[in-house]
Amino acid sequence: MTVYPASFAALPRLTEIARSWAPADRMMILSLCGSIVAGARQPHGAGDVRTIHAAEIEELLRLTNETMRAAIDEDSFTYMLQAVHAFEDVPVWDEMLEKLVHGEYELENCPGCGVHLFVAIGADGYFATSGDYAIEDDPPKGELAPAVLSDLDQVARRMYDTAQILGQENLATRLLYLFGDATCPDCRTTFQVADQVIKQYS
């Protein structure tokens, strides 16, 4: 999402609106605010927006955590978890976590052979492929192995624990695959999916 000075100027009013709505009704506006705040790293000419709007960001974080504890579906929960990362200034996952909703991460290069890869994490299964599996019949696939809990870094473990504690077991499983290892079907190189996502989008 491209941001402008007016985007940040809208945060006080958007925060006020979000505060006045019930948790089930505020998810879209919180997701929008998360996207705006995540854009603070872009060139925008609005100054140090995290300092200028610190009060709003703190309140938006509180509201998002509150909303995550409401009875919301997995996709909505994922967007709220991404918004939390935006308000807490966690790079990459403040914008890229939502790709779990679509069940796929597209990687420009395999670290071994450089081939373009799709990593499926979700309804289509758990695998890596250099073919467009949406239109090709059974392209070659490489294995996707979930991470071991003890190997998760602090950010990943917190995501996993939050999903588990709040009853989002399926998302917790998908997170293990996101932070797990994929095998390229072309060169058989094994790599950590999340590492490649971070490298590509940092």
Protein backbone atom coordinates (compact mmCIF):
# COMPACT_ATOMS: atom_id res chain seq x y z
CA MET A 1 0.00 0.00 0.00
CA THR A 2 1.37 3.41 -1.00
CA VAL A 3 1.00 6.05 1.71
CA TYR A 4 0.93 9.85 1.67
CA PRO A 5 0.99 12.55 4.39
CA ALA A 6 -2.82 12.54 4.29
CA SER A 7 -2.82 8.83 5.10
CA PHE A 8 -1.12 9.46 8.44
CA ALA A 9 -3.18 12.60 9.09
CA ALA A 10 -6.27 10.37 8.98
CA LEU A 11 -5.05 8.13 11.82
CA PRO A 12 -6.58 10.15 14.71
CA ARG A 13 -10.04 10.04 13.11
CA LEU A 14 -9.71 6.39 12.10
CA THR A 15 -8.66 5.51 15.64
CA GLU A 16 -11.66 7.36 17.05
CA ILE A 17 -13.99 5.45 14.72
CA ALA A 18 -12.40 2.09 15.55
CA ARG A 19 -12.73 2.81 19.27
CA SER A 20 -16.45 3.47 18.89
CA TRP A 21 -17.22 0.22 17.04
CA ALA A 22 -17.67 -3.28 18.41
CA PRO A 23 -14.78 -5.71 17.82
CA ALA A 24 -16.64 -7.62 15.11
CA ASP A 25 -17.23 -4.38 13.19
CA ARG A 26 -13.79 -2.79 13.39
CA MET A 27 -11.59 -5.38 11.69
CA MET A 28 -11.50 -3.67 8.29
CA ILE A 29 -10.63 -0.27 9.72
CA LEU A 30 -7.91 -1.76 11.94
CA SER A 31 -6.45 -3.57 8.94
CA LEU A 32 -6.45 -0.30 7.00
CA CYS A 33 -4.70 1.49 9.87
CA GLY A 34 -2.15 -1.32 10.05
CA SER A 35 -1.38 -0.90 6.35
CA ILE A 36 -0.97 2.86 6.81
CA VAL A 37 1.37 2.47 9.78
CA ALA A 38 3.37 -0.25 8.00
CA GLY A 39 3.94 2.30 5.25
CA ALA A 40 5.89 4.52 7.64
CA ARG A 41 9.10 3.10 6.15
CA GLN A 42 8.26 4.50 2.73
CA PRO A 43 9.42 7.96 1.62
CA HIS A 44 6.38 10.12 2.42
CA GLY A 45 7.46 13.51 3.76
CA ALA A 46 5.23 13.27 6.82
CA GLY A 47 8.02 13.26 9.40
CA ASP A 48 8.50 10.71 12.16
CA VAL A 49 4.96 9.39 12.04
CA ARG A 50 5.54 6.77 14.73
CA THR A 51 6.42 9.54 17.16
CA ILE A 52 3.81 12.00 15.93
CA HIS A 53 1.04 9.39 16.14
CA ALA A 54 2.39 7.34 19.04
CA ALA A 55 -0.84 7.71 21.05
CA GLU A 56 -2.99 6.55 18.15
CA ILE A 57 -0.70 3.61 17.39
CA GLU A 58 -0.78 2.51 21.02
CA GLU A 59 -4.57 2.67 21.05
CA LEU A 60 -4.84 0.85 17.72
CA LEU A 61 -2.63 -1.92 19.10
CA ARG A 62 -4.87 -2.23 22.14
CA LEU A 63 -8.00 -2.39 19.99
CA THR A 64 -6.45 -4.96 17.66
CA ASN A 65 -5.43 -7.23 20.52
CA GLU A 66 -8.95 -6.90 21.90
CA THR A 67 -10.45 -7.74 18.51
CA MET A 68 -8.26 -10.84 18.16
CA ARG A 69 -9.88 -12.19 21.30
CA ALA A 70 -13.34 -11.90 19.78
CA ALA A 71 -14.92 -14.76 17.85
CA ILE A 72 -13.42 -14.09 14.42
CA ASP A 73 -12.57 -16.41 11.55
CA GLU A 74 -9.05 -17.49 10.60
CA ASP A 75 -8.62 -15.02 7.74
CA SER A 76 -9.73 -12.07 9.88
CA PHE A 77 -7.46 -13.24 12.68
CA THR A 78 -4.52 -13.34 10.25
CA TYR A 79 -5.18 -9.75 9.15
CA MET A 80 -5.38 -8.67 12.80
CA LEU A 81 -2.13 -10.46 13.62
CA GLN A 82 -0.51 -8.64 10.71
CA ALA A 83 -1.87 -5.33 12.03
CA VAL A 84 -0.33 -6.06 15.43
CA HIS A 85 3.05 -6.42 13.73
CA ALA A 86 2.51 -3.07 11.98
CA PHE A 87 1.73 -1.28 15.23
CA GLU A 88 4.69 -2.98 16.94
CA ASP A 89 7.02 -2.09 14.03
CA VAL A 90 7.92 -5.64 13.01
CA PRO A 91 9.15 -5.48 9.40
CA VAL A 92 8.02 -7.84 6.62
CA TRP A 93 5.32 -9.59 8.69
CA ASP A 94 3.52 -6.25 9.02
CA GLU A 95 2.70 -6.59 5.30
CA MET A 96 3.46 -10.14 4.17
CA LEU A 97 1.63 -12.24 6.76
CA GLU A 98 -1.62 -11.79 4.84
CA LYS A 99 -0.28 -14.03 2.08
CA LEU A 100 -1.21 -16.91 4.37
CA VAL A 101 -4.82 -15.96 3.71
CA HIS A 102 -4.26 -16.69 0.03
CA GLY A 103 -2.22 -19.79 0.89
CA GLU A 104 0.80 -18.97 -1.23
CA TYR A 105 4.14 -17.20 -1.16
CA GLU A 106 5.79 -16.42 -4.48
CA LEU A 107 9.58 -16.40 -4.35
CA GLU A 108 11.60 -14.79 -7.11
CA ASN A 109 14.59 -17.09 -6.76
CA CYS A 110 15.42 -20.49 -5.34
CA PRO A 111 18.61 -19.88 -3.30
CA GLY A 112 20.14 -22.91 -5.00
CA CYS A 113 19.34 -22.64 -8.70
CA GLY A 114 17.55 -19.30 -9.03
CA VAL A 115 14.29 -20.73 -10.41
CA HIS A 116 11.03 -18.91 -9.66
CA LEU A 117 9.06 -20.76 -6.98
CA PHE A 118 5.56 -20.91 -5.56
CA VAL A 119 5.25 -22.12 -1.98
CA ALA A 120 1.78 -23.40 -1.12
CA ILE A 121 0.76 -23.22 2.52
CA GLY A 122 -2.89 -24.02 3.02
CA ALA A 123 -5.91 -25.32 1.17
CA ASP A 124 -3.89 -26.59 -1.82
CA GLY A 125 -1.48 -28.44 0.43
CA TYR A 126 2.06 -27.85 1.65
CA PHE A 127 4.71 -27.89 -1.08
CA ALA A 128 7.07 -25.85 -3.26
CA THR A 129 6.88 -25.87 -7.04
CA SER A 130 8.45 -24.08 -9.97
CA GLY A 131 5.28 -24.61 -12.00
CA ASP A 132 2.05 -22.64 -11.78
CA TYR A 133 0.00 -25.32 -10.04
CA ALA A 134 -3.18 -23.26 -10.53
CA ILE A 135 -3.10 -23.93 -14.28
CA GLU A 136 -0.69 -26.84 -14.75
CA ASP A 137 -1.63 -30.46 -14.18
CA ASP A 138 0.49 -31.87 -11.37
CA PRO A 139 3.76 -29.89 -11.73
CA PRO A 140 6.87 -31.21 -9.93
CA LYS A 141 6.65 -30.51 -6.21
CA GLY A 142 9.19 -30.29 -3.43
CA GLU A 143 8.47 -31.19 0.16
CA LEU A 144 7.52 -28.60 2.77
CA ALA A 145 8.47 -29.57 6.32
CA PRO A 146 7.06 -27.73 9.38
CA ALA A 147 9.39 -26.02 11.81
CA VAL A 148 10.17 -27.55 15.17
CA LEU A 149 8.84 -25.35 17.96
CA SER A 150 12.21 -25.10 19.66
CA ASP A 151 13.72 -23.71 16.43
CA LEU A 152 11.32 -20.78 16.11
CA ASP A 153 12.74 -17.32 16.70
CA GLN A 154 11.03 -14.94 19.12
CA VAL A 155 8.74 -13.33 16.53
CA ALA A 156 7.64 -16.64 15.02
CA ARG A 157 7.10 -18.30 18.40
CA ARG A 158 4.97 -15.41 19.57
CA MET A 159 2.79 -15.67 16.46
CA TYR A 160 2.42 -19.40 16.95
CA ASP A 161 1.61 -19.11 20.66
CA THR A 162 -0.91 -16.32 20.04
CA ALA A 163 -2.73 -18.41 17.44
CA GLN A 164 -2.76 -21.46 19.71
CA ILE A 165 -3.90 -19.61 22.82
CA LEU A 166 -6.72 -17.88 20.96
CA GLY A 167 -8.02 -21.06 19.36
CA GLN A 168 -6.62 -20.63 15.85
CA GLU A 169 -5.06 -24.08 15.59
CA ASN A 170 -5.14 -24.26 11.80
CA LEU A 171 -3.32 -20.94 11.49
CA ALA A 172 -0.78 -22.14 14.07
CA THR A 173 -0.09 -25.17 11.85
CA ARG A 174 0.31 -22.98 8.76
CA LEU A 175 2.75 -20.77 10.65
CA LEU A 176 4.92 -23.80 11.37
CA TYR A 177 5.12 -24.46 7.63
CA LEU A 178 5.85 -20.79 6.88
CA PHE A 179 8.80 -20.97 9.26
CA GLY A 180 9.70 -24.47 8.17
CA ASP A 181 11.84 -25.79 5.30
CA ALA A 182 11.02 -26.19 1.62
CA THR A 183 12.83 -28.31 -0.95
CA CYS A 184 13.20 -26.95 -4.47
CA PRO A 185 11.75 -29.51 -6.92
CA ASP A 186 14.34 -28.56 -9.56
CA CYS A 187 17.66 -28.63 -7.70
CA ARG A 188 16.65 -30.27 -4.39
CA THR A 189 18.09 -27.39 -2.36
CA THR A 190 16.45 -27.10 1.06
CA PHE A 191 15.82 -23.63 2.48
CA GLN A 192 13.74 -21.93 5.15
CA VAL A 193 10.67 -20.34 3.59
CA ALA A 194 10.44 -17.41 5.99
CA ASP A 195 14.11 -16.54 5.48
CA GLN A 196 13.54 -16.20 1.76
CA VAL A 197 10.38 -14.13 2.28
CA ILE A 198 12.29 -11.78 4.60
CA LYS A 199 15.19 -11.54 2.14
CA GLN A 200 12.87 -10.74 -0.75
CA TYR A 201 10.69 -8.16 1.00
CA SER A 202 13.14 -6.42 3.34
